[in-house]
Amino acid sequence: MKPSTKPLDQQGRIVVPRAMLESINVEPGDYVDVYLDNNQGRPVVVLERHQDLCVVCGEITTEGVKIANKRICTECASYIKLNRVDDGGQKEVKKSDDNLNVY
């Protein structure tokens, strides 16, 4: 896609051309992730369509439960429900080969 030069407004915002937004499949009202990446020693601002990640296992998910604006996938929610930790201790949960492992 051809580069586009845009001015910053007083609040430091720019208008992203519609064609660029369409190329990453976003529409008005969608959330996007914006971050700075170091591309061969040159900082680059990256704009990506936001995807909810499970806060337990880190997998992309569109299902499950949302608590305090954080998503927990169906598999992790089921695991947590079946294996509640009542001692207040923090546990690390990792997915591997379709299993959840608690450390």
C-alpha atoms as a PDB file:
ATOM      1  CA  MET A   1       0.000   0.000   0.000  1.00  0.00           C
ATOM      2  CA  LYS A   2       1.196   3.467  -0.874  1.00  0.00           C
ATOM      3  CA  PRO A   3       2.441   5.627   2.040  1.00  0.00           C
ATOM      4  CA  SER A   4       0.214   8.491   3.142  1.00  0.00           C
ATOM      5  CA  THR A   5       1.450  11.687   4.847  1.00  0.00           C
ATOM      6  CA  LYS A   6      -0.952  13.079   7.455  1.00  0.00           C
ATOM      7  CA  PRO A   7      -0.598  15.990   9.899  1.00  0.00           C
ATOM      8  CA  LEU A   8      -0.928  15.496  13.663  1.00  0.00           C
ATOM      9  CA  ASP A   9      -3.701  17.519  15.298  1.00  0.00           C
ATOM     10  CA  GLN A  10      -3.274  19.448  18.569  1.00  0.00           C
ATOM     11  CA  GLN A  11      -3.905  16.283  20.630  1.00  0.00           C
ATOM     12  CA  GLY A  12      -1.309  14.254  18.679  1.00  0.00           C
ATOM     13  CA  ARG A  13      -3.889  12.281  16.657  1.00  0.00           C
ATOM     14  CA  ILE A  14      -3.919  11.367  12.987  1.00  0.00           C
ATOM     15  CA  VAL A  15      -6.647  10.173  10.639  1.00  0.00           C
ATOM     16  CA  VAL A  16      -5.843   6.724   9.267  1.00  0.00           C
ATOM     17  CA  PRO A  17      -6.996   6.360   5.651  1.00  0.00           C
ATOM     18  CA  ARG A  18     -10.059   4.115   5.222  1.00  0.00           C
ATOM     19  CA  ALA A  19      -8.198   1.830   2.780  1.00  0.00           C
ATOM     20  CA  MET A  20      -5.586   1.085   5.462  1.00  0.00           C
ATOM     21  CA  LEU A  21      -8.287   0.323   8.038  1.00  0.00           C
ATOM     22  CA  GLU A  22     -10.089  -1.943   5.582  1.00  0.00           C
ATOM     23  CA  SER A  23      -6.838  -3.810   4.904  1.00  0.00           C
ATOM     24  CA  ILE A  24      -6.684  -4.848   8.587  1.00  0.00           C
ATOM     25  CA  ASN A  25     -10.435  -5.542   8.688  1.00  0.00           C
ATOM     26  CA  VAL A  26     -11.503  -2.838  11.147  1.00  0.00           C
ATOM     27  CA  GLU A  27     -14.627  -0.704  11.095  1.00  0.00           C
ATOM     28  CA  PRO A  28     -15.715   2.361  13.090  1.00  0.00           C
ATOM     29  CA  GLY A  29     -16.221   1.328  16.733  1.00  0.00           C
ATOM     30  CA  ASP A  30     -13.770  -1.606  16.580  1.00  0.00           C
ATOM     31  CA  TYR A  31     -10.827  -1.681  18.967  1.00  0.00           C
ATOM     32  CA  VAL A  32      -7.267  -1.657  17.655  1.00  0.00           C
ATOM     33  CA  ASP A  33      -3.923  -2.312  19.313  1.00  0.00           C
ATOM     34  CA  VAL A  34      -1.267   0.346  18.757  1.00  0.00           C
ATOM     35  CA  TYR A  35       2.322  -0.291  19.724  1.00  0.00           C
ATOM     36  CA  LEU A  36       5.870   0.683  18.840  1.00  0.00           C
ATOM     37  CA  ASP A  37       8.006  -1.947  17.134  1.00  0.00           C
ATOM     38  CA  ASN A  38      11.712  -1.735  16.405  1.00  0.00           C
ATOM     39  CA  ASN A  39      12.029  -2.625  12.721  1.00  0.00           C
ATOM     40  CA  GLN A  40      15.730  -2.989  11.836  1.00  0.00           C
ATOM     41  CA  GLY A  41      16.735  -0.277  14.318  1.00  0.00           C
ATOM     42  CA  ARG A  42      13.985   2.076  13.154  1.00  0.00           C
ATOM     43  CA  PRO A  43      10.914   2.627  15.398  1.00  0.00           C
ATOM     44  CA  VAL A  44       7.635   1.850  13.619  1.00  0.00           C
ATOM     45  CA  VAL A  45       4.100   2.467  14.911  1.00  0.00           C
ATOM     46  CA  VAL A  46       2.022  -0.693  14.370  1.00  0.00           C
ATOM     47  CA  LEU A  47      -1.777  -0.743  14.199  1.00  0.00           C
ATOM     48  CA  GLU A  48      -3.538  -4.120  14.444  1.00  0.00           C
ATOM     49  CA  ARG A  49      -7.110  -5.285  14.883  1.00  0.00           C
ATOM     50  CA  HIS A  50      -7.595  -6.049  18.581  1.00  0.00           C
ATOM     51  CA  GLN A  51      -8.074  -9.694  19.472  1.00  0.00           C
ATOM     52  CA  ASP A  52      -9.158 -10.775  22.933  1.00  0.00           C
ATOM     53  CA  LEU A  53      -6.605 -13.020  24.624  1.00  0.00           C
ATOM     54  CA  CYS A  54      -7.377 -15.326  27.510  1.00  0.00           C
ATOM     55  CA  VAL A  55      -5.638 -13.861  30.576  1.00  0.00           C
ATOM     56  CA  VAL A  56      -4.880 -17.379  31.828  1.00  0.00           C
ATOM     57  CA  CYS A  57      -3.400 -19.182  28.812  1.00  0.00           C
ATOM     58  CA  GLY A  58      -2.821 -16.335  26.338  1.00  0.00           C
ATOM     59  CA  GLU A  59      -4.766 -17.951  23.473  1.00  0.00           C
ATOM     60  CA  ILE A  60      -6.920 -15.813  21.162  1.00  0.00           C
ATOM     61  CA  THR A  61     -10.578 -16.261  22.112  1.00  0.00           C
ATOM     62  CA  THR A  62     -13.977 -14.873  21.225  1.00  0.00           C
ATOM     63  CA  GLU A  63     -15.872 -17.084  23.672  1.00  0.00           C
ATOM     64  CA  GLY A  64     -15.720 -17.695  27.392  1.00  0.00           C
ATOM     65  CA  VAL A  65     -16.334 -15.198  30.163  1.00  0.00           C
ATOM     66  CA  LYS A  66     -15.349 -11.581  30.594  1.00  0.00           C
ATOM     67  CA  ILE A  67     -14.546 -10.337  34.107  1.00  0.00           C
ATOM     68  CA  ALA A  68     -13.443  -6.740  34.743  1.00  0.00           C
ATOM     69  CA  ASN A  69     -12.979  -6.327  30.969  1.00  0.00           C
ATOM     70  CA  LYS A  70     -10.614  -9.330  30.840  1.00  0.00           C
ATOM     71  CA  ARG A  71     -11.473 -12.479  28.895  1.00  0.00           C
ATOM     72  CA  ILE A  72     -11.067 -16.073  30.102  1.00  0.00           C
ATOM     73  CA  CYS A  73     -11.538 -18.747  27.423  1.00  0.00           C
ATOM     74  CA  THR A  74     -14.136 -21.468  27.898  1.00  0.00           C
ATOM     75  CA  GLU A  75     -11.504 -24.156  28.520  1.00  0.00           C
ATOM     76  CA  CYS A  76      -9.693 -22.177  31.222  1.00  0.00           C
ATOM     77  CA  ALA A  77     -12.975 -21.088  32.839  1.00  0.00           C
ATOM     78  CA  SER A  78     -14.075 -24.734  33.052  1.00  0.00           C
ATOM     79  CA  TYR A  79     -10.709 -25.747  34.478  1.00  0.00           C
ATOM     80  CA  ILE A  80     -10.827 -22.980  37.090  1.00  0.00           C
ATOM     81  CA  LYS A  81     -14.376 -23.918  38.051  1.00  0.00           C
ATOM     82  CA  LEU A  82     -13.421 -27.592  38.496  1.00  0.00           C
ATOM     83  CA  ASN A  83     -10.065 -26.966  40.234  1.00  0.00           C
ATOM     84  CA  ARG A  84     -10.626 -23.938  42.427  1.00  0.00           C
ATOM     85  CA  VAL A  85      -7.638 -22.726  44.413  1.00  0.00           C
ATOM     86  CA  ASP A  86      -8.968 -21.553  47.767  1.00  0.00           C
ATOM     87  CA  ASP A  87      -5.652 -20.967  49.535  1.00  0.00           C
ATOM     88  CA  GLY A  88      -5.186 -17.533  47.928  1.00  0.00           C
ATOM     89  CA  GLY A  89      -1.941 -18.685  46.343  1.00  0.00           C
ATOM     90  CA  GLN A  90      -1.113 -17.676  42.816  1.00  0.00           C
ATOM     91  CA  LYS A  91      -0.660 -20.454  40.302  1.00  0.00           C
ATOM     92  CA  GLU A  92       0.748 -20.364  36.769  1.00  0.00           C
ATOM     93  CA  VAL A  93      -1.402 -22.110  34.173  1.00  0.00           C
ATOM     94  CA  LYS A  94       0.040 -23.206  30.813  1.00  0.00           C
ATOM     95  CA  LYS A  95      -1.579 -24.929  27.857  1.00  0.00           C
ATOM     96  CA  SER A  96       0.240 -27.826  26.241  1.00  0.00           C
ATOM     97  CA  ASP A  97      -1.081 -30.573  23.973  1.00  0.00           C
ATOM     98  CA  ASP A  98      -4.716 -29.694  24.738  1.00  0.00           C
ATOM     99  CA  ASN A  99      -4.092 -29.918  28.510  1.00  0.00           C
ATOM    100  CA  LEU A 100      -3.912 -27.198  31.136  1.00  0.00           C
ATOM    101  CA  ASN A 101      -1.075 -27.573  33.606  1.00  0.00           C
ATOM    102  CA  VAL A 102      -0.931 -25.726  36.928  1.00  0.00           C
ATOM    103  CA  TYR A 103       2.476 -24.895  38.424  1.00  0.00           C
END
